[in-house]
């Protein structure tokens, strides 16, 4: 069995996630994987488990939070503008 790197649970159905840079992470649940790997919105501090947006190296959960931080050019819907 393999130990989850977040909670330490020794679980026979643990899974491994390999990232683009080649690092490997072992988790026993998606909740633990999200806790360790999801980026955090730089405005509201929520973990981004959906699409999110990246602006000049900064992560936000959506256009609203990116605008609140003074970023421009991000839209949530087709036809909307910032």
N, C-alpha and C. Protein backbone atom coordinates (compact mmCIF):
# COMPACT_ATOMS: atom_id res chain seq x y z
N UNK A 1 0.83 -1.18 0.00
CA UNK A 1 0.00 0.00 0.00
C UNK A 1 0.88 1.25 0.00
N UNK A 2 0.26 2.36 -0.34
CA UNK A 2 1.00 3.61 -0.48
C UNK A 2 0.41 4.67 0.43
N UNK A 3 1.28 5.50 0.99
CA UNK A 3 0.85 6.56 1.91
C UNK A 3 0.54 7.84 1.15
N UNK A 4 -0.58 8.47 1.49
CA UNK A 4 -0.95 9.77 0.94
C UNK A 4 0.01 10.82 1.50
N UNK A 5 0.54 11.68 0.62
CA UNK A 5 1.49 12.68 1.09
C UNK A 5 0.84 13.83 1.86
N UNK A 6 -0.49 13.94 1.83
CA UNK A 6 -1.17 14.99 2.58
C UNK A 6 -1.61 14.50 3.95
N UNK A 7 -2.38 13.43 3.97
CA UNK A 7 -2.96 12.97 5.24
C UNK A 7 -2.23 11.78 5.86
N UNK A 8 -1.35 11.14 5.09
CA UNK A 8 -0.59 10.02 5.60
C UNK A 8 -1.33 8.70 5.60
N UNK A 9 -2.57 8.68 5.11
CA UNK A 9 -3.36 7.47 5.07
C UNK A 9 -2.66 6.40 4.23
N UNK A 10 -2.59 5.19 4.74
CA UNK A 10 -2.02 4.06 4.03
C UNK A 10 -3.18 3.36 3.31
N UNK A 11 -3.28 3.55 1.99
CA UNK A 11 -4.49 3.17 1.27
C UNK A 11 -4.14 2.38 0.02
N UNK A 12 -4.78 1.24 -0.15
CA UNK A 12 -4.46 0.39 -1.29
C UNK A 12 -4.88 0.97 -2.64
N UNK A 13 -5.81 1.94 -2.65
CA UNK A 13 -6.26 2.55 -3.89
C UNK A 13 -5.69 3.95 -4.10
N UNK A 14 -4.59 4.27 -3.43
CA UNK A 14 -3.94 5.56 -3.62
C UNK A 14 -3.52 5.69 -5.09
N UNK A 15 -3.41 6.93 -5.55
CA UNK A 15 -3.03 7.16 -6.94
C UNK A 15 -1.89 8.17 -7.01
N UNK A 16 -1.18 8.15 -8.12
CA UNK A 16 -0.04 9.02 -8.33
C UNK A 16 -0.37 10.04 -9.41
N UNK A 17 0.01 11.29 -9.16
CA UNK A 17 -0.13 12.35 -10.16
C UNK A 17 1.27 12.79 -10.53
N UNK A 18 1.56 12.77 -11.83
CA UNK A 18 2.85 13.25 -12.30
C UNK A 18 2.62 14.58 -13.02
N UNK A 19 3.40 15.59 -12.64
CA UNK A 19 3.22 16.92 -13.21
C UNK A 19 4.12 17.10 -14.44
N UNK A 20 3.92 18.19 -15.15
CA UNK A 20 4.71 18.45 -16.36
C UNK A 20 6.19 18.54 -16.08
N UNK A 21 6.55 18.99 -14.87
CA UNK A 21 7.98 19.10 -14.56
C UNK A 21 8.58 17.78 -14.08
N UNK A 22 7.77 16.71 -14.08
CA UNK A 22 8.26 15.38 -13.73
C UNK A 22 8.13 15.01 -12.27
N UNK A 23 7.67 15.95 -11.42
CA UNK A 23 7.50 15.58 -10.01
C UNK A 23 6.28 14.67 -9.87
N UNK A 24 6.34 13.79 -8.87
CA UNK A 24 5.27 12.82 -8.65
C UNK A 24 4.70 13.01 -7.25
N UNK A 25 3.38 12.91 -7.17
CA UNK A 25 2.68 13.09 -5.90
C UNK A 25 1.71 11.93 -5.71
N UNK A 26 1.60 11.43 -4.48
CA UNK A 26 0.72 10.30 -4.17
C UNK A 26 -0.38 10.77 -3.22
N UNK A 27 -1.63 10.44 -3.58
CA UNK A 27 -2.79 10.87 -2.79
C UNK A 27 -3.74 9.70 -2.61
N UNK A 28 -4.53 9.77 -1.55
CA UNK A 28 -5.55 8.73 -1.33
C UNK A 28 -6.93 9.21 -1.74
N UNK A 29 -7.06 10.51 -2.09
CA UNK A 29 -8.36 11.05 -2.49
C UNK A 29 -8.14 12.30 -3.33
N UNK A 30 -9.19 12.67 -4.09
CA UNK A 30 -9.12 13.91 -4.85
C UNK A 30 -9.06 15.10 -3.90
N UNK A 31 -9.69 15.00 -2.74
CA UNK A 31 -9.66 16.09 -1.78
C UNK A 31 -8.22 16.40 -1.36
N UNK A 32 -7.44 15.38 -1.09
CA UNK A 32 -6.04 15.60 -0.73
C UNK A 32 -5.24 16.14 -1.91
N UNK A 33 -5.52 15.66 -3.12
CA UNK A 33 -4.83 16.16 -4.31
C UNK A 33 -5.13 17.65 -4.51
N UNK A 34 -6.39 18.04 -4.35
CA UNK A 34 -6.77 19.45 -4.49
C UNK A 34 -6.07 20.28 -3.43
N UNK A 35 -6.07 19.79 -2.20
CA UNK A 35 -5.43 20.52 -1.10
C UNK A 35 -3.96 20.83 -1.42
N UNK A 36 -3.27 19.86 -1.99
CA UNK A 36 -1.84 20.02 -2.26
C UNK A 36 -1.55 20.77 -3.56
N UNK A 37 -2.37 20.55 -4.60
CA UNK A 37 -1.96 21.00 -5.93
C UNK A 37 -2.73 22.17 -6.52
N UNK A 38 -3.93 22.46 -6.04
CA UNK A 38 -4.73 23.52 -6.65
C UNK A 38 -4.13 24.89 -6.36
N UNK A 39 -4.05 25.75 -7.39
CA UNK A 39 -3.59 27.11 -7.12
C UNK A 39 -4.62 27.85 -6.27
N UNK A 40 -4.19 28.92 -5.64
CA UNK A 40 -5.07 29.71 -4.77
C UNK A 40 -5.28 31.08 -5.39
N UNK A 41 -6.54 31.52 -5.46
CA UNK A 41 -6.87 32.83 -6.00
C UNK A 41 -6.17 33.90 -5.17
N UNK A 42 -5.46 34.79 -5.85
CA UNK A 42 -4.69 35.81 -5.14
C UNK A 42 -5.57 36.92 -4.58
N UNK A 43 -6.86 36.94 -4.94
CA UNK A 43 -7.75 37.95 -4.38
C UNK A 43 -8.60 37.38 -3.23
N UNK A 44 -9.38 36.34 -3.50
CA UNK A 44 -10.31 35.83 -2.48
C UNK A 44 -9.76 34.63 -1.71
N UNK A 45 -8.62 34.10 -2.12
CA UNK A 45 -7.90 33.01 -1.44
C UNK A 45 -8.58 31.65 -1.54
N UNK A 46 -9.56 31.47 -2.42
CA UNK A 46 -10.20 30.17 -2.61
C UNK A 46 -9.26 29.28 -3.44
N UNK A 47 -9.30 27.98 -3.17
CA UNK A 47 -8.54 27.06 -4.02
C UNK A 47 -9.26 26.92 -5.35
N UNK A 48 -8.53 27.04 -6.44
CA UNK A 48 -9.11 27.02 -7.77
C UNK A 48 -9.14 25.58 -8.27
N UNK A 49 -10.35 25.01 -8.31
CA UNK A 49 -10.47 23.64 -8.79
C UNK A 49 -11.17 23.58 -10.14
N UNK A 50 -11.54 24.74 -10.65
CA UNK A 50 -12.13 24.83 -11.99
C UNK A 50 -11.09 25.40 -12.94
N UNK A 51 -11.57 26.14 -13.92
CA UNK A 51 -10.69 26.71 -14.94
C UNK A 51 -9.74 27.74 -14.35
N UNK A 52 -10.25 28.71 -13.64
CA UNK A 52 -9.41 29.80 -13.14
C UNK A 52 -8.82 30.59 -14.29
N UNK A 53 -8.14 31.68 -13.97
CA UNK A 53 -7.45 32.49 -14.97
C UNK A 53 -6.08 32.85 -14.45
N UNK A 54 -5.13 32.92 -15.37
CA UNK A 54 -3.78 33.33 -15.03
C UNK A 54 -3.48 34.62 -15.79
N UNK A 55 -3.06 35.64 -15.07
CA UNK A 55 -2.73 36.92 -15.67
C UNK A 55 -1.32 37.30 -15.23
N UNK A 56 -0.41 37.32 -16.17
CA UNK A 56 0.97 37.72 -15.90
C UNK A 56 1.56 36.95 -14.71
N UNK A 57 1.29 35.66 -14.65
CA UNK A 57 1.84 34.82 -13.60
C UNK A 57 1.07 34.82 -12.29
N UNK A 58 -0.07 35.50 -12.25
CA UNK A 58 -0.91 35.56 -11.05
C UNK A 58 -2.20 34.78 -11.32
N UNK A 59 -2.64 33.98 -10.33
CA UNK A 59 -3.83 33.14 -10.48
C UNK A 59 -5.03 33.74 -9.77
N UNK A 60 -6.18 33.67 -10.47
CA UNK A 60 -7.46 34.14 -9.92
C UNK A 60 -8.54 33.12 -10.24
N UNK A 61 -9.58 33.07 -9.43
CA UNK A 61 -10.66 32.12 -9.67
C UNK A 61 -11.52 32.54 -10.85
N UNK A 62 -11.54 33.83 -11.18
CA UNK A 62 -12.32 34.31 -12.32
C UNK A 62 -12.02 35.76 -12.61
N UNK A 63 -12.73 36.29 -13.62
CA UNK A 63 -12.50 37.67 -14.05
C UNK A 63 -12.80 38.67 -12.94
N UNK A 64 -13.84 38.42 -12.14
CA UNK A 64 -14.19 39.36 -11.07
C UNK A 64 -12.99 39.60 -10.14
N UNK A 65 -12.36 38.52 -9.69
CA UNK A 65 -11.23 38.67 -8.78
C UNK A 65 -10.01 39.27 -9.48
N UNK A 66 -9.81 38.94 -10.75
CA UNK A 66 -8.67 39.54 -11.46
C UNK A 66 -8.88 41.05 -11.60
N UNK A 67 -10.11 41.49 -11.89
CA UNK A 67 -10.41 42.93 -11.99
C UNK A 67 -10.24 43.61 -10.63
N UNK A 68 -10.65 42.93 -9.57
CA UNK A 68 -10.51 43.50 -8.22
C UNK A 68 -9.05 43.75 -7.87
N UNK A 69 -8.16 43.02 -8.50
CA UNK A 69 -6.72 43.18 -8.26
C UNK A 69 -6.07 44.10 -9.31
N UNK A 70 -6.93 44.74 -10.13
CA UNK A 70 -6.42 45.71 -11.10
C UNK A 70 -5.99 45.12 -12.43
N UNK A 71 -6.27 43.86 -12.67
CA UNK A 71 -5.93 43.22 -13.95
C UNK A 71 -7.01 43.55 -14.96
N UNK A 72 -6.65 43.66 -16.21
CA UNK A 72 -7.62 43.96 -17.26
C UNK A 72 -7.50 42.93 -18.38
N UNK A 73 -8.58 42.85 -19.18
CA UNK A 73 -8.55 41.98 -20.34
C UNK A 73 -9.06 40.58 -20.11
N UNK A 74 -9.54 40.27 -18.92
CA UNK A 74 -10.07 38.95 -18.63
C UNK A 74 -11.59 39.02 -18.64
N UNK A 75 -12.22 38.10 -19.34
CA UNK A 75 -13.68 38.05 -19.39
C UNK A 75 -14.17 36.68 -18.96
N UNK A 76 -15.33 36.64 -18.29
CA UNK A 76 -15.91 35.38 -17.85
C UNK A 76 -16.78 34.75 -18.93
N UNK A 77 -17.39 35.57 -19.77
CA UNK A 77 -18.32 35.07 -20.79
C UNK A 77 -17.99 35.67 -22.14
N UNK A 78 -18.30 34.93 -23.19
CA UNK A 78 -18.13 35.46 -24.53
C UNK A 78 -19.06 36.65 -24.68
N UNK A 79 -18.56 37.74 -25.23
CA UNK A 79 -19.39 38.93 -25.43
C UNK A 79 -19.27 39.93 -24.29
N UNK A 80 -18.71 39.53 -23.16
CA UNK A 80 -18.50 40.46 -22.05
C UNK A 80 -17.18 41.18 -22.26
N UNK A 81 -17.02 42.27 -21.63
CA UNK A 81 -15.73 42.96 -21.68
C UNK A 81 -15.38 43.49 -20.31
N UNK A 82 -14.11 43.71 -20.13
CA UNK A 82 -13.61 44.21 -18.86
C UNK A 82 -13.38 45.69 -18.96
